């Protein structure tokens, strides 16, 4: 994995279910991982089980994108046939899910306008 998070960065994320009462659009996204048309947005993390909770978009398929759990070690192991690995967007500053265009699109939160 390119730009792999340090252990202290992972421990700084809210624990699993810590933001359970937070509406999805208000959940802070603390990390963004990507590879090709795939994006993983991490909102929570469990250091014991090495498990993220967040939003995943696979193969640019916004219609089937969803909130769920992603094992960190499985994310680290994802590679293309050419050996390209998942990368982490740097710099990244925590943002509410509603402020991330790809999540807004997948969730149907797009603002209507002219």
PDB file of N, CA and C in Angstrom:
ATOM      1  N   UNK A   1       0.852  -1.170   0.000  1.00  0.00           N
ATOM      2  CA  UNK A   1       0.000   0.000   0.000  1.00  0.00           C
ATOM      3  C   UNK A   1       0.898   1.233   0.000  1.00  0.00           C
ATOM      4  N   UNK A   2       0.568   2.154  -0.883  1.00  0.00           N
ATOM      5  CA  UNK A   2       1.269   3.423  -0.924  1.00  0.00           C
ATOM      6  C   UNK A   2       0.744   4.306   0.201  1.00  0.00           C
ATOM      7  N   UNK A   3       1.617   5.107   0.775  1.00  0.00           N
ATOM      8  CA  UNK A   3       1.224   6.046   1.836  1.00  0.00           C
ATOM      9  C   UNK A   3       0.436   5.345   2.941  1.00  0.00           C
ATOM     10  N   UNK A   4       0.931   4.206   3.343  1.00  0.00           N
ATOM     11  CA  UNK A   4       0.257   3.425   4.383  1.00  0.00           C
ATOM     12  C   UNK A   4       0.181   4.233   5.683  1.00  0.00           C
ATOM     13  N   UNK A   5      -1.000   4.236   6.321  1.00  0.00           N
ATOM     14  CA  UNK A   5      -1.132   4.992   7.570  1.00  0.00           C
ATOM     15  C   UNK A   5      -0.244   4.412   8.664  1.00  0.00           C
ATOM     16  N   UNK A   6       0.269   5.290   9.483  1.00  0.00           N
ATOM     17  CA  UNK A   6       1.043   4.873  10.655  1.00  0.00           C
ATOM     18  C   UNK A   6       0.058   4.387  11.716  1.00  0.00           C
ATOM     19  N   UNK A   7       0.557   3.579  12.616  1.00  0.00           N
ATOM     20  CA  UNK A   7      -0.296   3.035  13.676  1.00  0.00           C
ATOM     21  C   UNK A   7      -0.946   4.156  14.488  1.00  0.00           C
ATOM     22  N   UNK A   8      -0.226   5.228  14.773  1.00  0.00           N
ATOM     23  CA  UNK A   8      -0.788   6.336  15.550  1.00  0.00           C
ATOM     24  C   UNK A   8      -1.893   7.053  14.783  1.00  0.00           C
ATOM     25  N   UNK A   9      -1.796   7.090  13.437  1.00  0.00           N
ATOM     26  CA  UNK A   9      -2.856   7.700  12.631  1.00  0.00           C
ATOM     27  C   UNK A   9      -4.130   6.857  12.700  1.00  0.00           C
ATOM     28  N   UNK A  10      -3.961   5.549  12.637  1.00  0.00           N
ATOM     29  CA  UNK A  10      -5.112   4.650  12.718  1.00  0.00           C
ATOM     30  C   UNK A  10      -5.776   4.737  14.094  1.00  0.00           C
ATOM     31  N   UNK A  11      -4.979   4.809  15.139  1.00  0.00           N
ATOM     32  CA  UNK A  11      -5.531   4.879  16.501  1.00  0.00           C
ATOM     33  C   UNK A  11      -6.247   6.202  16.769  1.00  0.00           C
ATOM     34  N   UNK A  12      -5.967   7.219  15.955  1.00  0.00           N
ATOM     35  CA  UNK A  12      -6.622   8.520  16.125  1.00  0.00           C
ATOM     36  C   UNK A  12      -8.052   8.525  15.566  1.00  0.00           C
ATOM     37  N   UNK A  13      -8.393   7.536  14.727  1.00  0.00           N
ATOM     38  CA  UNK A  13      -9.746   7.459  14.178  1.00  0.00           C
ATOM     39  C   UNK A  13     -10.732   7.047  15.262  1.00  0.00           C
ATOM     40  N   UNK A  14     -11.992   7.487  15.145  1.00  0.00           N
ATOM     41  CA  UNK A  14     -13.008   7.011  16.104  1.00  0.00           C
ATOM     42  C   UNK A  14     -13.123   5.486  16.038  1.00  0.00           C
ATOM     43  N   UNK A  15     -13.385   4.884  17.170  1.00  0.00           N
ATOM     44  CA  UNK A  15     -13.570   3.431  17.236  1.00  0.00           C
ATOM     45  C   UNK A  15     -14.874   3.032  16.543  1.00  0.00           C
ATOM     46  N   UNK A  16     -14.954   1.761  16.156  1.00  0.00           N
ATOM     47  CA  UNK A  16     -16.172   1.256  15.529  1.00  0.00           C
ATOM     48  C   UNK A  16     -17.374   1.539  16.416  1.00  0.00           C
ATOM     49  N   UNK A  17     -18.430   1.997  15.800  1.00  0.00           N
ATOM     50  CA  UNK A  17     -19.713   2.332  16.421  1.00  0.00           C
ATOM     51  C   UNK A  17     -19.665   3.591  17.284  1.00  0.00           C
ATOM     52  N   UNK A  18     -18.518   4.268  17.358  1.00  0.00           N
ATOM     53  CA  UNK A  18     -18.424   5.492  18.163  1.00  0.00           C
ATOM     54  C   UNK A  18     -19.263   6.617  17.566  1.00  0.00           C
ATOM     55  N   UNK A  19     -19.495   6.575  16.249  1.00  0.00           N
ATOM     56  CA  UNK A  19     -20.285   7.625  15.601  1.00  0.00           C
ATOM     57  C   UNK A  19     -21.642   7.093  15.144  1.00  0.00           C
ATOM     58  N   UNK A  20     -22.078   5.998  15.755  1.00  0.00           N
ATOM     59  CA  UNK A  20     -23.312   5.327  15.356  1.00  0.00           C
ATOM     60  C   UNK A  20     -24.526   6.263  15.356  1.00  0.00           C
ATOM     61  N   UNK A  21     -24.567   7.206  16.288  1.00  0.00           N
ATOM     62  CA  UNK A  21     -25.716   8.110  16.358  1.00  0.00           C
ATOM     63  C   UNK A  21     -25.562   9.330  15.443  1.00  0.00           C
ATOM     64  N   UNK A  22     -24.444   9.432  14.776  1.00  0.00           N
ATOM     65  CA  UNK A  22     -24.199  10.541  13.846  1.00  0.00           C
ATOM     66  C   UNK A  22     -24.859  10.220  12.508  1.00  0.00           C
ATOM     67  N   UNK A  23     -25.684  11.116  11.972  1.00  0.00           N
ATOM     68  CA  UNK A  23     -26.268  10.869  10.644  1.00  0.00           C
ATOM     69  C   UNK A  23     -25.161  10.635   9.606  1.00  0.00           C
ATOM     70  N   UNK A  24     -25.426   9.779   8.643  1.00  0.00           N
ATOM     71  CA  UNK A  24     -24.410   9.435   7.646  1.00  0.00           C
ATOM     72  C   UNK A  24     -23.782  10.664   7.005  1.00  0.00           C
ATOM     73  N   UNK A  25     -24.610  11.648   6.657  1.00  0.00           N
ATOM     74  CA  UNK A  25     -24.070  12.820   5.966  1.00  0.00           C
ATOM     75  C   UNK A  25     -23.147  13.652   6.858  1.00  0.00           C
ATOM     76  N   UNK A  26     -23.254  13.472   8.181  1.00  0.00           N
ATOM     77  CA  UNK A  26     -22.412  14.219   9.116  1.00  0.00           C
ATOM     78  C   UNK A  26     -21.182  13.439   9.583  1.00  0.00           C
ATOM     79  N   UNK A  27     -21.094  12.165   9.230  1.00  0.00           N
ATOM     80  CA  UNK A  27     -19.933  11.372   9.654  1.00  0.00           C
ATOM     81  C   UNK A  27     -18.665  11.973   9.055  1.00  0.00           C
ATOM     82  N   UNK A  28     -17.647  12.123   9.888  1.00  0.00           N
ATOM     83  CA  UNK A  28     -16.374  12.620   9.390  1.00  0.00           C
ATOM     84  C   UNK A  28     -15.617  11.488   8.712  1.00  0.00           C
ATOM     85  N   UNK A  29     -15.124  11.780   7.533  1.00  0.00           N
ATOM     86  CA  UNK A  29     -14.301  10.829   6.790  1.00  0.00           C
ATOM     87  C   UNK A  29     -12.852  11.202   7.082  1.00  0.00           C
ATOM     88  N   UNK A  30     -12.143  10.291   7.732  1.00  0.00           N
ATOM     89  CA  UNK A  30     -10.787  10.574   8.210  1.00  0.00           C
ATOM     90  C   UNK A  30      -9.696  10.160   7.242  1.00  0.00           C
ATOM     91  N   UNK A  31      -9.983   9.186   6.370  1.00  0.00           N
ATOM     92  CA  UNK A  31      -8.980   8.734   5.401  1.00  0.00           C
ATOM     93  C   UNK A  31      -9.676   8.342   4.108  1.00  0.00           C
ATOM     94  N   UNK A  32      -8.967   8.538   3.004  1.00  0.00           N
ATOM     95  CA  UNK A  32      -9.463   8.146   1.688  1.00  0.00           C
ATOM     96  C   UNK A  32      -8.400   7.288   1.017  1.00  0.00           C
ATOM     97  N   UNK A  33      -8.807   6.070   0.654  1.00  0.00           N
ATOM     98  CA  UNK A  33      -7.948   5.144  -0.081  1.00  0.00           C
ATOM     99  C   UNK A  33      -8.531   4.990  -1.478  1.00  0.00           C
ATOM    100  N   UNK A  34      -7.683   4.730  -2.468  1.00  0.00           N
ATOM    101  CA  UNK A  34      -8.186   4.622  -3.838  1.00  0.00           C
ATOM    102  C   UNK A  34      -7.279   3.748  -4.690  1.00  0.00           C
ATOM    103  N   UNK A  35      -7.873   3.222  -5.747  1.00  0.00           N
ATOM    104  CA  UNK A  35      -7.156   2.467  -6.770  1.00  0.00           C
ATOM    105  C   UNK A  35      -8.058   2.424  -7.992  1.00  0.00           C
ATOM    106  N   UNK A  36      -7.622   3.044  -9.075  1.00  0.00           N
ATOM    107  CA  UNK A  36      -8.442   3.091 -10.284  1.00  0.00           C
ATOM    108  C   UNK A  36      -9.793   3.716  -9.978  1.00  0.00           C
ATOM    109  N   UNK A  37     -10.876   3.032 -10.307  1.00  0.00           N
ATOM    110  CA  UNK A  37     -12.220   3.538 -10.062  1.00  0.00           C
ATOM    111  C   UNK A  37     -12.784   3.124  -8.720  1.00  0.00           C
ATOM    112  N   UNK A  38     -11.917   2.703  -7.816  1.00  0.00           N
ATOM    113  CA  UNK A  38     -12.361   2.264  -6.486  1.00  0.00           C
ATOM    114  C   UNK A  38     -11.936   3.276  -5.432  1.00  0.00           C
ATOM    115  N   UNK A  39     -12.856   3.569  -4.523  1.00  0.00           N
ATOM    116  CA  UNK A  39     -12.587   4.494  -3.421  1.00  0.00           C
ATOM    117  C   UNK A  39     -13.106   3.890  -2.134  1.00  0.00           C
ATOM    118  N   UNK A  40     -12.309   4.011  -1.080  1.00  0.00           N
ATOM    119  CA  UNK A  40     -12.715   3.594   0.259  1.00  0.00           C
ATOM    120  C   UNK A  40     -12.517   4.795   1.171  1.00  0.00           C
ATOM    121  N   UNK A  41     -13.593   5.199   1.849  1.00  0.00           N
ATOM    122  CA  UNK A  41     -13.577   6.356   2.743  1.00  0.00           C
ATOM    123  C   UNK A  41     -13.760   5.855   4.167  1.00  0.00           C
ATOM    124  N   UNK A  42     -12.767   6.075   5.020  1.00  0.00           N
ATOM    125  CA  UNK A  42     -12.784   5.536   6.381  1.00  0.00           C
ATOM    126  C   UNK A  42     -13.300   6.557   7.384  1.00  0.00           C
ATOM    127  N   UNK A  43     -14.344   6.161   8.128  1.00  0.00           N
ATOM    128  CA  UNK A  43     -14.924   7.010   9.168  1.00  0.00           C
ATOM    129  C   UNK A  43     -14.588   6.499  10.568  1.00  0.00           C
ATOM    130  N   UNK A  44     -14.414   5.189  10.713  1.00  0.00           N
ATOM    131  CA  UNK A  44     -14.132   4.577  12.014  1.00  0.00           C
ATOM    132  C   UNK A  44     -13.111   3.454  11.817  1.00  0.00           C
ATOM    133  N   UNK A  45     -12.480   3.062  12.927  1.00  0.00           N
ATOM    134  CA  UNK A  45     -11.472   2.002  12.840  1.00  0.00           C
ATOM    135  C   UNK A  45     -11.390   1.274  14.168  1.00  0.00           C
ATOM    136  N   UNK A  46     -11.234  -0.033  14.098  1.00  0.00           N
ATOM    137  CA  UNK A  46     -11.021  -0.858  15.283  1.00  0.00           C
ATOM    138  C   UNK A  46      -9.599  -1.405  15.223  1.00  0.00           C
ATOM    139  N   UNK A  47      -8.686  -0.916  16.093  1.00  0.00           N
ATOM    140  CA  UNK A  47      -7.303  -1.381  16.021  1.00  0.00           C
ATOM    141  C   UNK A  47      -7.143  -2.854  16.394  1.00  0.00           C
ATOM    142  N   UNK A  48      -7.998  -3.388  17.260  1.00  0.00           N
ATOM    143  CA  UNK A  48      -7.876  -4.788  17.655  1.00  0.00           C
ATOM    144  C   UNK A  48      -8.190  -5.725  16.487  1.00  0.00           C
ATOM    145  N   UNK A  49      -9.280  -5.436  15.769  1.00  0.00           N
ATOM    146  CA  UNK A  49      -9.675  -6.285  14.637  1.00  0.00           C
ATOM    147  C   UNK A  49      -9.157  -5.770  13.299  1.00  0.00           C
ATOM    148  N   UNK A  50      -8.493  -4.586  13.315  1.00  0.00           N
ATOM    149  CA  UNK A  50      -7.956  -3.962  12.099  1.00  0.00           C
ATOM    150  C   UNK A  50      -9.064  -3.852  11.038  1.00  0.00           C
ATOM    151  N   UNK A  51     -10.163  -3.210  11.444  1.00  0.00           N
ATOM    152  CA  UNK A  51     -11.359  -3.129  10.619  1.00  0.00           C
ATOM    153  C   UNK A  51     -11.823  -1.682  10.509  1.00  0.00           C
ATOM    154  N   UNK A  52     -12.046  -1.231   9.262  1.00  0.00           N
ATOM    155  CA  UNK A  52     -12.584   0.098   9.005  1.00  0.00           C
ATOM    156  C   UNK A  52     -14.098   0.025   8.843  1.00  0.00           C
ATOM    157  N   UNK A  53     -14.779   1.115   9.181  1.00  0.00           N
ATOM    158  CA  UNK A  53     -16.158   1.329   8.775  1.00  0.00           C
ATOM    159  C   UNK A  53     -16.147   2.599   7.945  1.00  0.00           C
ATOM    160  N   UNK A  54     -16.801   2.532   6.802  1.00  0.00           N
ATOM    161  CA  UNK A  54     -16.850   3.703   5.945  1.00  0.00           C
ATOM    162  C   UNK A  54     -17.668   3.438   4.700  1.00  0.00           C
ATOM    163  N   UNK A  55     -17.358   4.182   3.670  1.00  0.00           N
ATOM    164  CA  UNK A  55     -18.116   4.137   2.424  1.00  0.00           C
ATOM    165  C   UNK A  55     -17.210   3.615   1.324  1.00  0.00           C
ATOM    166  N   UNK A  56     -17.718   2.665   0.536  1.00  0.00           N
ATOM    167  CA  UNK A  56     -16.919   2.075  -0.532  1.00  0.00           C
ATOM    168  C   UNK A  56     -17.619   2.209  -1.880  1.00  0.00           C
ATOM    169  N   UNK A  57     -16.834   2.598  -2.866  1.00  0.00           N
ATOM    170  CA  UNK A  57     -17.286   2.671  -4.257  1.00  0.00           C
ATOM    171  C   UNK A  57     -16.341   1.777  -5.048  1.00  0.00           C
ATOM    172  N   UNK A  58     -16.874   0.736  -5.660  1.00  0.00           N
ATOM    173  CA  UNK A  58     -16.039  -0.190  -6.417  1.00  0.00           C
ATOM    174  C   UNK A  58     -16.316  -0.052  -7.910  1.00  0.00           C
ATOM    175  N   UNK A  59     -15.263   0.056  -8.682  1.00  0.00           N
ATOM    176  CA  UNK A  59     -15.352   0.136 -10.145  1.00  0.00           C
ATOM    177  C   UNK A  59     -16.268   1.259 -10.622  1.00  0.00           C
ATOM    178  N   UNK A  60     -16.212   2.404  -9.950  1.00  0.00           N
ATOM    179  CA  UNK A  60     -17.026   3.574 -10.310  1.00  0.00           C
ATOM    180  C   UNK A  60     -18.527   3.296 -10.291  1.00  0.00           C
ATOM    181  N   UNK A  61     -18.946   2.240  -9.603  1.00  0.00           N
ATOM    182  CA  UNK A  61     -20.357   1.867  -9.548  1.00  0.00           C
ATOM    183  C   UNK A  61     -21.040   2.591  -8.389  1.00  0.00           C
ATOM    184  N   UNK A  62     -21.467   3.822  -8.648  1.00  0.00           N
ATOM    185  CA  UNK A  62     -22.095   4.632  -7.603  1.00  0.00           C
ATOM    186  C   UNK A  62     -23.449   4.076  -7.178  1.00  0.00           C
ATOM    187  N   UNK A  63     -24.127   3.372  -8.084  1.00  0.00           N
ATOM    188  CA  UNK A  63     -25.445   2.829  -7.766  1.00  0.00           C
ATOM    189  C   UNK A  63     -25.357   1.750  -6.683  1.00  0.00           C
ATOM    190  N   UNK A  64     -24.270   0.994  -6.665  1.00  0.00           N
ATOM    191  CA  UNK A  64     -24.119  -0.079  -5.681  1.00  0.00           C
ATOM    192  C   UNK A  64     -23.112   0.251  -4.584  1.00  0.00           C
ATOM    193  N   UNK A  65     -22.646   1.486  -4.534  1.00  0.00           N
ATOM    194  CA  UNK A  65     -21.744   1.899  -3.467  1.00  0.00           C
ATOM    195  C   UNK A  65     -22.493   1.833  -2.140  1.00  0.00           C
ATOM    196  N   UNK A  66     -21.754   1.582  -1.039  1.00  0.00           N
ATOM    197  CA  UNK A  66     -22.450   1.424   0.237  1.00  0.00           C
ATOM    198  C   UNK A  66     -21.540   1.665   1.428  1.00  0.00           C
ATOM    199  N   UNK A  67     -22.197   1.906   2.568  1.00  0.00           N
ATOM    200  CA  UNK A  67     -21.534   1.976   3.856  1.00  0.00           C
ATOM    201  C   UNK A  67     -21.324   0.551   4.346  1.00  0.00           C
ATOM    202  N   UNK A  68     -20.179   0.293   4.947  1.00  0.00           N
ATOM    203  CA  UNK A  68     -19.924  -1.041   5.464  1.00  0.00           C
ATOM    204  C   UNK A  68     -18.534  -1.159   6.046  1.00  0.00           C
ATOM    205  N   UNK A  69     -18.119  -2.400   6.280  1.00  0.00           N
ATOM    206  CA  UNK A  69     -16.855  -2.712   6.941  1.00  0.00           C
ATOM    207  C   UNK A  69     -15.849  -3.224   5.935  1.00  0.00           C
ATOM    208  N   UNK A  70     -14.596  -2.808   6.117  1.00  0.00           N
ATOM    209  CA  UNK A  70     -13.500  -3.253   5.242  1.00  0.00           C
ATOM    210  C   UNK A  70     -12.314  -3.628   6.128  1.00  0.00           C
ATOM    211  N   UNK A  71     -11.870  -4.880   6.058  1.00  0.00           N
ATOM    212  CA  UNK A  71     -10.671  -5.262   6.813  1.00  0.00           C
ATOM    213  C   UNK A  71      -9.442  -4.539   6.245  1.00  0.00           C
ATOM    214  N   UNK A  72      -8.685  -3.915   7.124  1.00  0.00           N
ATOM    215  CA  UNK A  72      -7.500  -3.166   6.719  1.00  0.00           C
ATOM    216  C   UNK A  72      -6.514  -4.055   5.963  1.00  0.00           C
ATOM    217  N   UNK A  73      -6.282  -5.266   6.451  1.00  0.00           N
ATOM    218  CA  UNK A  73      -5.298  -6.138   5.806  1.00  0.00           C
ATOM    219  C   UNK A  73      -5.734  -6.551   4.401  1.00  0.00           C
ATOM    220  N   UNK A  74      -7.045  -6.691   4.177  1.00  0.00           N
ATOM    221  CA  UNK A  74      -7.529  -6.997   2.822  1.00  0.00           C
ATOM    222  C   UNK A  74      -7.336  -5.790   1.905  1.00  0.00           C
ATOM    223  N   UNK A  75      -7.570  -4.605   2.432  1.00  0.00           N
ATOM    224  CA  UNK A  75      -7.357  -3.393   1.636  1.00  0.00           C
ATOM    225  C   UNK A  75      -5.885  -3.263   1.262  1.00  0.00           C
ATOM    226  N   UNK A  76      -5.005  -3.564   2.194  1.00  0.00           N
ATOM    227  CA  UNK A  76      -3.562  -3.505   1.931  1.00  0.00           C
ATOM    228  C   UNK A  76      -3.149  -4.512   0.858  1.00  0.00           C
ATOM    229  N   UNK A  77      -3.860  -5.619   0.749  1.00  0.00           N
ATOM    230  CA  UNK A  77      -3.477  -6.689  -0.177  1.00  0.00           C
ATOM    231  C   UNK A  77      -3.996  -6.473  -1.610  1.00  0.00           C
ATOM    232  N   UNK A  78      -4.912  -5.530  -1.809  1.00  0.00           N
ATOM    233  CA  UNK A  78      -5.497  -5.309  -3.145  1.00  0.00           C
ATOM    234  C   UNK A  78      -4.427  -4.770  -4.088  1.00  0.00           C
ATOM    235  N   UNK A  79      -4.301  -5.431  -5.248  1.00  0.00           N
ATOM    236  CA  UNK A  79      -3.356  -5.001  -6.285  1.00  0.00           C
ATOM    237  C   UNK A  79      -3.952  -5.315  -7.650  1.00  0.00           C
ATOM    238  N   UNK A  80      -3.572  -4.528  -8.630  1.00  0.00           N
ATOM    239  CA  UNK A  80      -3.969  -4.832  -9.998  1.00  0.00           C
ATOM    240  C   UNK A  80      -3.051  -5.929 -10.541  1.00  0.00           C
ATOM    241  N   UNK A  81      -3.373  -6.461 -11.704  1.00  0.00           N
ATOM    242  CA  UNK A  81      -2.517  -7.473 -12.328  1.00  0.00           C
ATOM    243  C   UNK A  81      -1.118  -6.935 -12.579  1.00  0.00           C
ATOM    244  N   UNK A  82      -1.037  -5.626 -12.764  1.00  0.00           N
ATOM    245  CA  UNK A  82       0.258  -4.994 -13.020  1.00  0.00           C
ATOM    246  C   UNK A  82       1.035  -4.719 -11.739  1.00  0.00           C
ATOM    247  N   UNK A  83       0.433  -5.027 -10.585  1.00  0.00           N
ATOM    248  CA  UNK A  83       1.111  -4.836  -9.308  1.00  0.00           C
ATOM    249  C   UNK A  83       0.888  -3.476  -8.671  1.00  0.00           C
ATOM    250  N   UNK A  84      -0.016  -2.659  -9.228  1.00  0.00           N
ATOM    251  CA  UNK A  84      -0.308  -1.351  -8.643  1.00  0.00           C
ATOM    252  C   UNK A  84      -1.144  -1.558  -7.387  1.00  0.00           C
ATOM    253  N   UNK A  85      -0.756  -0.881  -6.325  1.00  0.00           N
ATOM    254  CA  UNK A  85      -1.397  -1.063  -5.025  1.00  0.00           C
ATOM    255  C   UNK A  85      -2.345   0.081  -4.708  1.00  0.00           C
ATOM    256  N   UNK A  86      -3.192  -0.161  -3.714  1.00  0.00           N
ATOM    257  CA  UNK A  86      -4.068   0.877  -3.175  1.00  0.00           C
ATOM    258  C   UNK A  86      -3.191   2.002  -2.634  1.00  0.00           C
ATOM    259  N   UNK A  87      -3.648   3.225  -2.829  1.00  0.00           N
ATOM    260  CA  UNK A  87      -2.943   4.399  -2.325  1.00  0.00           C
ATOM    261  C   UNK A  87      -3.848   5.128  -1.347  1.00  0.00           C
ATOM    262  N   UNK A  88      -3.250   5.958  -0.517  1.00  0.00           N
ATOM    263  CA  UNK A  88      -4.005   6.806   0.410  1.00  0.00           C
ATOM    264  C   UNK A  88      -3.801   8.243  -0.030  1.00  0.00           C
ATOM    265  N   UNK A  89      -4.899   8.990  -0.093  1.00  0.00           N
ATOM    266  CA  UNK A  89      -4.813  10.383  -0.521  1.00  0.00           C
ATOM    267  C   UNK A  89      -4.140  11.223   0.561  1.00  0.00           C
ATOM    268  N   UNK A  90      -3.076  11.891   0.133  1.00  0.00           N
ATOM    269  CA  UNK A  90      -2.354  12.813   1.009  1.00  0.00           C
ATOM    270  C   UNK A  90      -2.160  14.121   0.266  1.00  0.00           C
ATOM    271  N   UNK A  91      -2.331  15.260   0.876  1.00  0.00           N
ATOM    272  CA  UNK A  91      -2.865  15.392   2.224  1.00  0.00           C
ATOM    273  C   UNK A  91      -4.371  15.166   2.222  1.00  0.00           C
ATOM    274  N   UNK A  92      -4.877  14.783   3.358  1.00  0.00           N
ATOM    275  CA  UNK A  92      -6.318  14.601   3.563  1.00  0.00           C
ATOM    276  C   UNK A  92      -6.676  15.182   4.915  1.00  0.00           C
ATOM    277  N   UNK A  93      -7.712  15.965   4.946  1.00  0.00           N
ATOM    278  CA  UNK A  93      -8.215  16.530   6.197  1.00  0.00           C
ATOM    279  C   UNK A  93      -9.625  15.996   6.396  1.00  0.00           C
ATOM    280  N   UNK A  94      -9.979  15.602   7.624  1.00  0.00           N
ATOM    281  CA  UNK A  94     -11.318  15.050   7.853  1.00  0.00           C
ATOM    282  C   UNK A  94     -12.411  15.982   7.335  1.00  0.00           C
ATOM    283  N   UNK A  95     -13.357  15.375   6.608  1.00  0.00           N
ATOM    284  CA  UNK A  95     -14.485  16.096   6.033  1.00  0.00           C
ATOM    285  C   UNK A  95     -15.768  15.345   6.328  1.00  0.00           C
ATOM    286  N   UNK A  96     -16.889  16.059   6.510  1.00  0.00           N
ATOM    287  CA  UNK A  96     -18.168  15.354   6.613  1.00  0.00           C
ATOM    288  C   UNK A  96     -18.477  14.658   5.280  1.00  0.00           C
ATOM    289  N   UNK A  97     -19.109  13.519   5.358  1.00  0.00           N
ATOM    290  CA  UNK A  97     -19.434  12.757   4.139  1.00  0.00           C
ATOM    291  C   UNK A  97     -20.175  13.618   3.123  1.00  0.00           C
ATOM    292  N   UNK A  98     -21.040  14.519   3.577  1.00  0.00           N
ATOM    293  CA  UNK A  98     -21.817  15.350   2.654  1.00  0.00           C
ATOM    294  C   UNK A  98     -20.946  16.266   1.820  1.00  0.00           C
ATOM    295  N   UNK A  99     -19.704  16.527   2.256  1.00  0.00           N
ATOM    296  CA  UNK A  99     -18.806  17.421   1.535  1.00  0.00           C
ATOM    297  C   UNK A  99     -17.903  16.696   0.544  1.00  0.00           C
ATOM    298  N   UNK A 100     -18.105  15.392   0.394  1.00  0.00           N
ATOM    299  CA  UNK A 100     -17.290  14.604  -0.536  1.00  0.00           C
ATOM    300  C   UNK A 100     -18.161  14.238  -1.733  1.00  0.00           C
ATOM    301  N   UNK A 101     -17.812  14.774  -2.877  1.00  0.00           N
ATOM    302  CA  UNK A 101     -18.639  14.652  -4.079  1.00  0.00           C
ATOM    303  C   UNK A 101     -19.013  13.201  -4.399  1.00  0.00           C
ATOM    304  N   UNK A 102     -18.047  12.278  -4.360  1.00  0.00           N
ATOM    305  CA  UNK A 102     -18.340  10.883  -4.744  1.00  0.00           C
ATOM    306  C   UNK A 102     -19.326  10.240  -3.768  1.00  0.00           C
ATOM    307  N   UNK A 103     -19.239  10.554  -2.502  1.00  0.00           N
ATOM    308  CA  UNK A 103     -20.205  10.001  -1.543  1.00  0.00           C
ATOM    309  C   UNK A 103     -21.571  10.632  -1.784  1.00  0.00           C
ATOM    310  N   UNK A 104     -21.608  11.943  -1.970  1.00  0.00           N
ATOM    311  CA  UNK A 104     -22.882  12.626  -2.257  1.00  0.00           C
ATOM    312  C   UNK A 104     -23.551  12.000  -3.471  1.00  0.00           C
ATOM    313  N   UNK A 105     -22.792  11.757  -4.509  1.00  0.00           N
ATOM    314  CA  UNK A 105     -23.360  11.171  -5.730  1.00  0.00           C
ATOM    315  C   UNK A 105     -23.899   9.770  -5.469  1.00  0.00           C
ATOM    316  N   UNK A 106     -23.124   8.949  -4.787  1.00  0.00           N
ATOM    317  CA  UNK A 106     -23.554   7.580  -4.509  1.00  0.00           C
ATOM    318  C   UNK A 106     -24.770   7.499  -3.610  1.00  0.00           C
ATOM    319  N   UNK A 107     -24.866   8.434  -2.685  1.00  0.00           N
ATOM    320  CA  UNK A 107     -25.985   8.439  -1.739  1.00  0.00           C
ATOM    321  C   UNK A 107     -27.204   9.182  -2.283  1.00  0.00           C
ATOM    322  N   UNK A 108     -27.059   9.835  -3.423  1.00  0.00           N
ATOM    323  CA  UNK A 108     -28.173  10.596  -3.979  1.00  0.00           C
ATOM    324  C   UNK A 108     -28.403  11.893  -3.245  1.00  0.00           C
ATOM    325  N   UNK A 109     -27.355  12.436  -2.635  1.00  0.00           N
ATOM    326  CA  UNK A 109     -27.462  13.688  -1.901  1.00  0.00           C
ATOM    327  C   UNK A 109     -27.148  14.899  -2.787  1.00  0.00           C
ATOM    328  N   UNK A 110     -27.046  14.699  -4.073  1.00  0.00           N
ATOM    329  CA  UNK A 110     -26.687  15.795  -4.964  1.00  0.00           C
ATOM    330  C   UNK A 110     -27.678  16.934  -4.810  1.00  0.00           C
ATOM    331  N   UNK A 111     -27.147  18.132  -4.713  1.00  0.00           N
ATOM    332  CA  UNK A 111     -28.001  19.309  -4.619  1.00  0.00           C
ATOM    333  C   UNK A 111     -28.590  19.610  -5.987  1.00  0.00           C
ATOM    334  N   UNK A 112     -29.858  19.928  -5.970  1.00  0.00           N
ATOM    335  CA  UNK A 112     -30.484  20.313  -7.230  1.00  0.00           C
ATOM    336  C   UNK A 112     -30.255  21.803  -7.442  1.00  0.00           C
ATOM    337  N   UNK A 113     -30.001  22.168  -8.645  1.00  0.00           N
ATOM    338  CA  UNK A 113     -29.742  23.565  -8.933  1.00  0.00           C
ATOM    339  C   UNK A 113     -29.870  23.828 -10.412  1.00  0.00           C
ATOM    340  N   UNK A 114     -29.541  25.036 -10.808  1.00  0.00           N
ATOM    341  CA  UNK A 114     -29.660  25.382 -12.230  1.00  0.00           C
ATOM    342  C   UNK A 114     -28.703  24.592 -13.100  1.00  0.00           C
TER     343      UNK A 114
END
